[in-house]
Amino acid sequence: MRERRKLQRLRALKAGTISLSHARGIICRVRNMSPAGACLKVTSQIGIPGNFVLLISYNKFSRACHVIWRSETKLGVQFVSSERSA
C-alpha cells in the first residue's frame, strides 16, 4: 500500500474520547499520531460523525478532527487545526 501521509506518524497507545457533545463521548484508543492526524481504534463505528473533537486527558490534548477513512474498528483522522481547541 502506498503511503500518502505528509508527516510520519509515531506509534502511540493512549486513551482518548471522541467528543460528540458536552455530555456524550465515545471511548477510543489512539494507535498512532502526527501533528497532522491520528489513527483511532474504536469498538464500533455506529454514531461516529465525520467531524468531532478528539480529547486525550493524559496530556490535555484537544483537536477538531475530520474523518479521512474508516474500517470496521479504526478511523483515520486529519486534525482540522494545528491550534488546540478549547
Protein backbone atom coordinates (compact mmCIF):
# COMPACT_ATOMS: atom_id res chain seq x y z
CA MET A 1 0.00 0.00 0.00
CA ARG A 2 1.32 3.43 -0.91
CA GLU A 3 1.99 5.85 1.95
CA ARG A 4 0.10 9.11 1.38
CA ARG A 5 0.78 10.88 4.66
CA LYS A 6 2.80 14.09 4.50
CA LEU A 7 4.12 13.65 8.05
CA GLN A 8 5.29 10.41 9.63
CA ARG A 9 3.08 9.17 12.45
CA LEU A 10 4.57 7.92 15.68
CA ARG A 11 3.18 4.87 17.45
CA ALA A 12 1.02 5.64 20.44
CA LEU A 13 -1.27 3.83 22.81
CA LYS A 14 -3.26 6.49 24.60
CA ALA A 15 -6.82 6.53 25.86
CA GLY A 16 -8.94 9.12 24.11
CA THR A 17 -12.50 10.32 23.84
CA ILE A 18 -14.37 11.22 20.67
CA SER A 19 -16.34 14.17 21.99
CA LEU A 20 -19.82 14.47 20.49
CA SER A 21 -21.26 16.98 22.96
CA HIS A 22 -20.57 18.23 26.45
CA ALA A 23 -22.40 15.24 27.92
CA ARG A 24 -21.51 12.48 25.43
CA GLY A 25 -18.36 10.85 24.20
CA ILE A 26 -17.09 7.61 22.69
CA ILE A 27 -14.02 5.95 24.21
CA CYS A 28 -11.21 5.23 21.75
CA ARG A 29 -7.52 4.27 21.66
CA VAL A 30 -5.02 6.43 19.81
CA ARG A 31 -2.84 3.96 17.88
CA ASN A 32 -0.55 6.45 16.12
CA MET A 33 -0.34 10.17 15.79
CA SER A 34 1.41 13.03 13.98
CA PRO A 35 0.97 16.81 14.07
CA ALA A 36 -1.48 16.39 11.15
CA GLY A 37 -3.65 13.45 12.23
CA ALA A 38 -4.12 10.15 14.02
CA CYS A 39 -5.40 6.59 13.80
CA LEU A 40 -8.09 5.78 16.35
CA LYS A 41 -9.32 2.34 17.37
CA VAL A 42 -12.98 2.07 18.37
CA THR A 43 -15.35 -0.73 19.32
CA SER A 44 -17.89 0.28 16.68
CA GLN A 45 -18.34 2.97 14.01
CA ILE A 46 -22.00 3.43 14.93
CA GLY A 47 -22.77 7.00 15.90
CA ILE A 48 -19.39 8.48 14.97
CA PRO A 49 -19.87 11.52 12.71
CA GLY A 50 -17.46 12.81 10.06
CA ASN A 51 -16.30 15.66 12.30
CA PHE A 52 -15.68 15.68 16.04
CA VAL A 53 -13.25 16.77 18.74
CA LEU A 54 -10.62 14.29 19.96
CA LEU A 55 -9.74 14.60 23.64
CA ILE A 56 -6.74 12.95 25.32
CA SER A 57 -6.86 13.78 29.01
CA TYR A 58 -3.38 12.36 29.75
CA ASN A 59 -1.65 15.34 28.11
CA LYS A 60 -4.65 17.73 27.94
CA PHE A 61 -4.83 17.35 24.15
CA SER A 62 -7.89 18.61 22.28
CA ARG A 63 -8.19 18.84 18.47
CA ALA A 64 -11.02 19.19 15.99
CA CYS A 65 -10.89 16.21 13.60
CA HIS A 66 -12.21 15.27 10.18
CA VAL A 67 -12.53 11.56 9.32
CA ILE A 68 -10.45 10.66 6.23
CA TRP A 69 -11.01 6.88 6.22
CA ARG A 70 -12.91 4.23 8.19
CA SER A 71 -12.71 0.49 8.71
CA GLU A 72 -14.79 -1.70 10.99
CA THR A 73 -12.85 -0.75 14.14
CA LYS A 74 -10.47 2.05 13.09
CA LEU A 75 -10.66 5.68 11.96
CA GLY A 76 -8.04 7.77 10.22
CA VAL A 77 -8.50 11.41 11.13
CA GLN A 78 -6.96 14.66 9.99
CA PHE A 79 -6.66 17.49 12.50
CA VAL A 80 -8.66 20.44 11.23
CA SER A 81 -6.47 22.98 13.01
CA SER A 82 -2.97 22.81 14.43
CA GLU A 83 -4.12 25.04 17.29
CA ARG A 84 -5.52 23.47 20.44
CA SER A 85 -9.29 23.62 20.69
CA ALA A 86 -10.78 24.95 23.88
